[in-house]
């Protein structure tokens, strides 16, 4: 190798190091500024005490019209029951949307969904949305699962200190754990249920919840929807803790049962469930209005 080439190599080495340092510095600066990199996302986390944004209310502009808040269970990083291909959060949202559309089509009722996209809403925020909207009814939509794929049928739950069965208590424990990640609670949803029940008793809301649940079961039977138990289920469900709003949890079926799953995922199945729910709601509201 000639002396000229050796000299050029020696002179170019420091220059190469300077160029490399400049490129690295610009790369990190761009990443820090969020420029030229699609994967750099900046957002502000809300305060722990900040209330969730209120959803859109559809239906008549008249605020005196009754308002029904429908709550599609789970969402976002919390998929609920099911498998990779069939998630409870997706099934619940589609059924909730079908119920909303059926209620709106009948006129005279306002409707809001706690979520209308695949996003997480804490257990604490779900009934709080209904309270802040001054709702007349709160209906939480879910799809159950069991160890055996033989379990099937719909269920309707109302709030109670003690579950109506061991299975109901296991269900409540599972649903109330939806606000936990690796055992860490994301909300205050596990507060003393006894205090809630006292308030429910004082306001008569528990009786109204039971009346709506009875109507739901009646209308489901009329639509020939199979019931898991032919009675109202009782459970200490955190999502039903709104003390001044009649609230029920509607388990639409068992997502791990092939027959139930096919029904819940079909347009026909969603229509049947929406029709039954809409009739129950309208009958309940008519009774309360003295019609």
Protein backbone atom coordinates (compact mmCIF):
# COMPACT_ATOMS: atom_id res chain seq x y z
CA UNK A 1 0.00 0.00 0.00
CA UNK A 2 1.47 3.36 -1.02
CA UNK A 3 2.26 6.02 1.55
CA UNK A 4 -0.33 8.33 -0.09
CA UNK A 5 -3.17 5.82 0.52
CA UNK A 6 -2.04 5.27 4.09
CA UNK A 7 -2.03 9.00 4.68
CA UNK A 8 -5.55 9.39 3.26
CA UNK A 9 -6.86 6.62 5.53
CA UNK A 10 -5.32 8.24 8.58
CA UNK A 11 -6.78 11.64 7.68
CA UNK A 12 -10.26 10.28 6.87
CA UNK A 13 -10.71 8.34 10.13
CA UNK A 14 -11.31 11.41 12.36
CA UNK A 15 -13.67 12.85 9.72
CA UNK A 16 -15.66 9.60 9.66
CA UNK A 17 -15.97 9.69 13.44
CA UNK A 18 -17.26 13.27 13.31
CA UNK A 19 -19.87 12.37 10.68
CA UNK A 20 -21.02 9.34 12.69
CA UNK A 21 -21.33 11.43 15.85
CA UNK A 22 -23.39 14.03 14.00
CA UNK A 23 -25.76 11.39 12.57
CA UNK A 24 -26.27 9.74 15.96
CA UNK A 25 -26.91 13.12 17.62
CA UNK A 26 -29.49 14.06 14.97
CA UNK A 27 -31.17 10.66 15.29
CA UNK A 28 -31.67 11.00 19.04
CA UNK A 29 -32.71 14.63 18.72
CA UNK A 30 -35.35 13.73 16.15
CA UNK A 31 -36.63 10.92 18.35
CA UNK A 32 -36.83 13.25 21.35
CA UNK A 33 -38.69 15.89 19.33
CA UNK A 34 -41.08 13.32 17.90
CA UNK A 35 -40.10 14.33 14.34
CA UNK A 36 -39.73 12.00 11.37
CA UNK A 37 -40.62 8.94 13.49
CA UNK A 38 -44.19 7.64 13.29
CA UNK A 39 -43.77 5.51 16.42
CA UNK A 40 -43.05 8.45 18.73
CA UNK A 41 -46.37 9.35 20.36
CA UNK A 42 -46.84 11.96 23.05
CA UNK A 43 -49.99 12.23 25.18
CA UNK A 44 -51.01 13.49 28.60
CA UNK A 45 -52.38 11.06 31.12
CA UNK A 46 -55.41 12.39 32.98
CA UNK A 47 -55.35 12.82 36.72
CA UNK A 48 -56.49 9.83 38.74
CA UNK A 49 -59.39 11.90 40.03
CA UNK A 50 -60.35 13.32 36.62
CA UNK A 51 -63.80 12.13 35.48
CA UNK A 52 -64.05 10.30 32.17
CA UNK A 53 -65.47 12.28 29.27
CA UNK A 54 -69.23 11.94 28.91
CA UNK A 55 -70.46 10.07 25.82
CA UNK A 56 -72.79 11.37 23.14
CA UNK A 57 -76.51 11.16 23.88
CA UNK A 58 -78.62 10.10 20.89
CA UNK A 59 -82.35 10.56 20.42
CA UNK A 60 -84.75 13.44 21.07
CA UNK A 61 -83.22 16.80 22.00
CA UNK A 62 -85.84 17.08 24.74
CA UNK A 63 -83.99 16.50 28.04
CA UNK A 64 -87.25 15.51 29.73
CA UNK A 65 -87.32 12.29 27.70
CA UNK A 66 -86.07 9.20 29.57
CA UNK A 67 -82.40 8.36 29.15
CA UNK A 68 -81.08 4.79 29.01
CA UNK A 69 -77.32 4.26 29.41
CA UNK A 70 -76.11 1.02 27.86
CA UNK A 71 -72.75 -0.29 29.01
CA UNK A 72 -70.86 -2.72 26.72
CA UNK A 73 -68.69 -4.71 29.09
CA UNK A 74 -64.89 -4.80 28.97
CA UNK A 75 -62.99 -3.11 26.11
CA UNK A 76 -59.49 -2.03 25.18
CA UNK A 77 -56.78 -4.10 26.90
CA UNK A 78 -59.51 -5.97 28.82
CA UNK A 79 -61.01 -8.43 26.28
CA UNK A 80 -63.28 -10.26 28.71
CA UNK A 81 -64.21 -13.85 27.98
CA UNK A 82 -63.62 -15.72 24.74
CA UNK A 83 -60.74 -16.62 22.49
CA UNK A 84 -58.46 -14.68 20.19
CA UNK A 85 -61.02 -14.83 17.38
CA UNK A 86 -64.13 -14.15 19.49
CA UNK A 87 -63.84 -11.62 22.29
CA UNK A 88 -66.53 -10.68 24.79
CA UNK A 89 -65.70 -6.99 24.41
CA UNK A 90 -66.57 -7.11 20.69
CA UNK A 91 -69.73 -9.18 21.12
CA UNK A 92 -70.96 -6.93 23.94
CA UNK A 93 -70.37 -3.76 21.92
CA UNK A 94 -72.27 -5.02 18.89
CA UNK A 95 -75.23 -6.14 20.99
CA UNK A 96 -75.24 -2.82 22.87
CA UNK A 97 -75.27 -0.93 19.57
CA UNK A 98 -78.17 -3.08 18.34
CA UNK A 99 -80.15 -2.31 21.51
CA UNK A 100 -79.40 1.40 21.13
CA UNK A 101 -80.55 1.40 17.51
CA UNK A 102 -83.75 -0.47 18.38
CA UNK A 103 -84.62 1.95 21.18
CA UNK A 104 -83.93 4.97 18.98
CA UNK A 105 -86.02 3.53 16.14
CA UNK A 106 -89.03 3.35 18.45
CA UNK A 107 -88.69 7.06 19.29
CA UNK A 108 -89.19 8.96 22.52
CA UNK A 109 -86.15 7.59 24.36
CA UNK A 110 -82.63 8.99 24.61
CA UNK A 111 -79.71 6.55 24.63
CA UNK A 112 -76.00 6.77 25.46
CA UNK A 113 -73.28 4.10 25.36
CA UNK A 114 -70.50 4.14 27.94
CA UNK A 115 -68.22 3.23 25.05
CA UNK A 116 -68.88 2.99 21.31
CA UNK A 117 -65.35 1.92 20.33
CA UNK A 118 -62.83 -0.65 21.52
CA UNK A 119 -61.55 1.30 24.53
CA UNK A 120 -61.15 0.62 28.23
CA UNK A 121 -63.59 2.20 30.69
CA UNK A 122 -63.04 1.47 34.39
CA UNK A 123 -65.73 -0.14 36.52
CA UNK A 124 -65.89 3.02 38.59
CA UNK A 125 -66.50 5.24 35.56
CA UNK A 126 -69.28 3.14 33.99
CA UNK A 127 -72.03 3.79 36.58
CA UNK A 128 -70.56 7.25 37.17
CA UNK A 129 -71.31 8.12 33.53
CA UNK A 130 -74.94 7.16 34.12
CA UNK A 131 -75.11 9.28 37.26
CA UNK A 132 -73.55 12.33 35.63
CA UNK A 133 -75.95 12.05 32.70
CA UNK A 134 -78.87 11.74 35.13
CA UNK A 135 -79.92 8.50 33.46
CA UNK A 136 -83.19 6.71 34.16
CA UNK A 137 -81.82 3.21 33.52
CA UNK A 138 -78.41 1.53 33.35
CA UNK A 139 -77.97 -1.75 31.46
CA UNK A 140 -74.58 -3.48 31.34
CA UNK A 141 -74.09 -5.99 28.51
CA UNK A 142 -71.84 -9.05 28.85
CA UNK A 143 -71.29 -12.58 27.52
CA UNK A 144 -70.43 -15.26 30.06
CA UNK A 145 -68.02 -18.19 29.90
CA UNK A 146 -67.65 -21.45 31.81
CA UNK A 147 -65.16 -24.26 32.19
CA UNK A 148 -67.52 -26.53 30.27
CA UNK A 149 -68.81 -25.59 26.84
CA UNK A 150 -72.13 -27.22 27.77
CA UNK A 151 -73.24 -24.24 29.87
CA UNK A 152 -75.48 -21.94 27.87
CA UNK A 153 -78.31 -19.41 28.08
CA UNK A 154 -78.89 -15.80 29.08
CA UNK A 155 -78.98 -14.43 32.63
CA UNK A 156 -80.09 -11.15 34.21
CA UNK A 157 -78.34 -9.88 37.35
CA UNK A 158 -79.20 -7.27 39.96
CA UNK A 159 -77.04 -6.02 42.82
CA UNK A 160 -77.00 -7.96 46.08
CA UNK A 161 -74.62 -8.33 49.01
CA UNK A 162 -74.54 -12.09 48.55
CA UNK A 163 -74.71 -14.01 45.28
CA UNK A 164 -77.72 -16.18 44.53
CA UNK A 165 -75.38 -19.11 43.90
CA UNK A 166 -71.73 -20.09 44.12
CA UNK A 167 -71.47 -19.57 40.36
CA UNK A 168 -72.91 -16.06 40.69
CA UNK A 169 -70.33 -15.21 43.35
CA UNK A 170 -67.51 -16.50 41.15
CA UNK A 171 -68.89 -14.45 38.27
CA UNK A 172 -68.97 -11.30 40.42
CA UNK A 173 -65.40 -11.88 41.58
CA UNK A 174 -64.25 -12.26 37.98
CA UNK A 175 -66.10 -9.19 36.70
CA UNK A 176 -65.05 -7.05 39.67
CA UNK A 177 -61.45 -7.95 38.88
CA UNK A 178 -61.63 -6.32 35.44
CA UNK A 179 -60.01 -3.19 36.88
CA UNK A 180 -56.87 -5.02 37.97
CA UNK A 181 -53.62 -5.49 36.10
CA UNK A 182 -51.21 -7.92 37.72
CA UNK A 183 -53.21 -7.58 40.92
CA UNK A 184 -53.08 -3.78 41.02
CA UNK A 185 -56.46 -2.05 41.29
CA UNK A 186 -57.18 0.68 38.74
CA UNK A 187 -60.18 2.14 40.54
CA UNK A 188 -62.12 2.34 43.79
CA UNK A 189 -64.70 -0.12 42.45
CA UNK A 190 -64.24 -2.55 45.36
CA UNK A 191 -65.64 -0.21 48.00
CA UNK A 192 -68.04 -1.49 50.64
CA UNK A 193 -71.05 -2.90 48.83
CA UNK A 194 -73.06 -2.84 52.05
CA UNK A 195 -73.08 0.97 52.04
CA UNK A 196 -74.33 0.93 48.46
CA UNK A 197 -77.11 -1.49 49.33
CA UNK A 198 -78.20 0.72 52.22
CA UNK A 199 -78.57 3.63 49.81
CA UNK A 200 -80.37 1.41 47.33
CA UNK A 201 -82.82 0.35 50.01
CA UNK A 202 -83.45 3.95 51.05
CA UNK A 203 -84.16 5.10 47.54
CA UNK A 204 -86.18 2.11 46.40
CA UNK A 205 -83.83 1.59 43.47
CA UNK A 206 -83.34 -2.09 44.18
CA UNK A 207 -87.05 -2.76 43.70
CA UNK A 208 -86.98 -0.90 40.38
CA UNK A 209 -83.94 -2.87 39.24
CA UNK A 210 -85.74 -6.10 40.10
CA UNK A 211 -88.84 -4.97 38.19
CA UNK A 212 -86.78 -4.28 35.08
CA UNK A 213 -84.97 -7.62 35.44
CA UNK A 214 -88.33 -9.43 35.68
CA UNK A 215 -89.50 -7.74 32.49
CA UNK A 216 -86.25 -8.67 30.76
CA UNK A 217 -86.71 -12.34 31.62
CA UNK A 218 -90.34 -12.23 30.47
CA UNK A 219 -89.44 -10.71 27.11
CA UNK A 220 -86.54 -13.12 26.60
CA UNK A 221 -88.91 -16.02 27.15
CA UNK A 222 -91.32 -14.48 24.63
CA UNK A 223 -88.50 -14.42 22.07
CA UNK A 224 -87.67 -18.04 22.95
CA UNK A 225 -84.18 -17.06 24.08
CA UNK A 226 -82.74 -19.85 26.20
CA UNK A 227 -82.17 -18.87 29.83
CA UNK A 228 -79.34 -20.20 31.95
CA UNK A 229 -81.58 -19.88 35.03
CA UNK A 230 -85.26 -18.99 34.91
CA UNK A 231 -84.88 -16.44 37.69
CA UNK A 232 -83.15 -13.18 38.52
CA UNK A 233 -79.51 -13.71 39.50
CA UNK A 234 -78.04 -11.81 42.47
CA UNK A 235 -74.40 -10.75 42.75
CA UNK A 236 -72.24 -8.04 44.33
CA UNK A 237 -71.28 -6.55 40.99
CA UNK A 238 -69.34 -3.29 41.18
CA UNK A 239 -70.65 -2.08 37.83
CA UNK A 240 -74.21 -2.01 39.26
CA UNK A 241 -73.31 0.29 42.14
CA UNK A 242 -75.12 3.46 40.94
CA UNK A 243 -77.29 3.96 44.05
CA UNK A 244 -80.02 6.09 42.49
CA UNK A 245 -80.40 4.48 39.05
CA UNK A 246 -82.18 1.16 38.41
CA UNK A 247 -79.41 -1.07 37.07
CA UNK A 248 -79.16 -4.58 35.64
CA UNK A 249 -76.43 -6.69 34.10
CA UNK A 250 -77.53 -8.69 31.07
CA UNK A 251 -75.46 -11.81 30.41
CA UNK A 252 -76.50 -12.50 26.84
CA UNK A 253 -75.20 -16.07 26.69
CA UNK A 254 -72.09 -18.24 27.02
CA UNK A 255 -69.47 -17.18 24.53
CA UNK A 256 -67.60 -20.50 24.81
CA UNK A 257 -70.72 -22.51 23.93
CA UNK A 258 -70.87 -23.09 20.14
CA UNK A 259 -74.65 -22.57 19.88
CA UNK A 260 -74.68 -19.45 22.05
CA UNK A 261 -71.65 -18.02 20.31
CA UNK A 262 -73.21 -18.44 16.87
CA UNK A 263 -76.40 -16.78 18.12
CA UNK A 264 -74.60 -13.84 19.74
CA UNK A 265 -72.45 -13.18 16.68
CA UNK A 266 -75.32 -13.30 14.19
CA UNK A 267 -77.37 -10.32 13.02
CA UNK A 268 -80.51 -12.32 13.79
CA UNK A 269 -79.36 -13.03 17.35
CA UNK A 270 -78.52 -9.39 18.00
CA UNK A 271 -81.96 -8.36 16.67
CA UNK A 272 -83.74 -10.84 18.94
CA UNK A 273 -81.87 -9.60 22.00
CA UNK A 274 -82.37 -5.95 21.03
CA UNK A 275 -86.11 -6.43 20.47
CA UNK A 276 -86.57 -8.16 23.84
CA UNK A 277 -84.54 -5.52 25.69
CA UNK A 278 -86.31 -2.61 23.99
CA UNK A 279 -89.73 -4.00 24.88
CA UNK A 280 -88.74 -4.54 28.51
CA UNK A 281 -87.38 -1.00 28.75
CA UNK A 282 -90.47 0.57 27.19
CA UNK A 283 -92.86 -1.38 29.42
CA UNK A 284 -90.84 -0.42 32.50
CA UNK A 285 -90.75 3.28 31.55
CA UNK A 286 -94.48 3.28 30.72
CA UNK A 287 -95.28 1.82 34.14
CA UNK A 288 -93.17 4.45 35.88
CA UNK A 289 -94.85 7.19 33.87
CA UNK A 290 -98.26 5.83 34.85
CA UNK A 291 -99.25 5.18 31.26
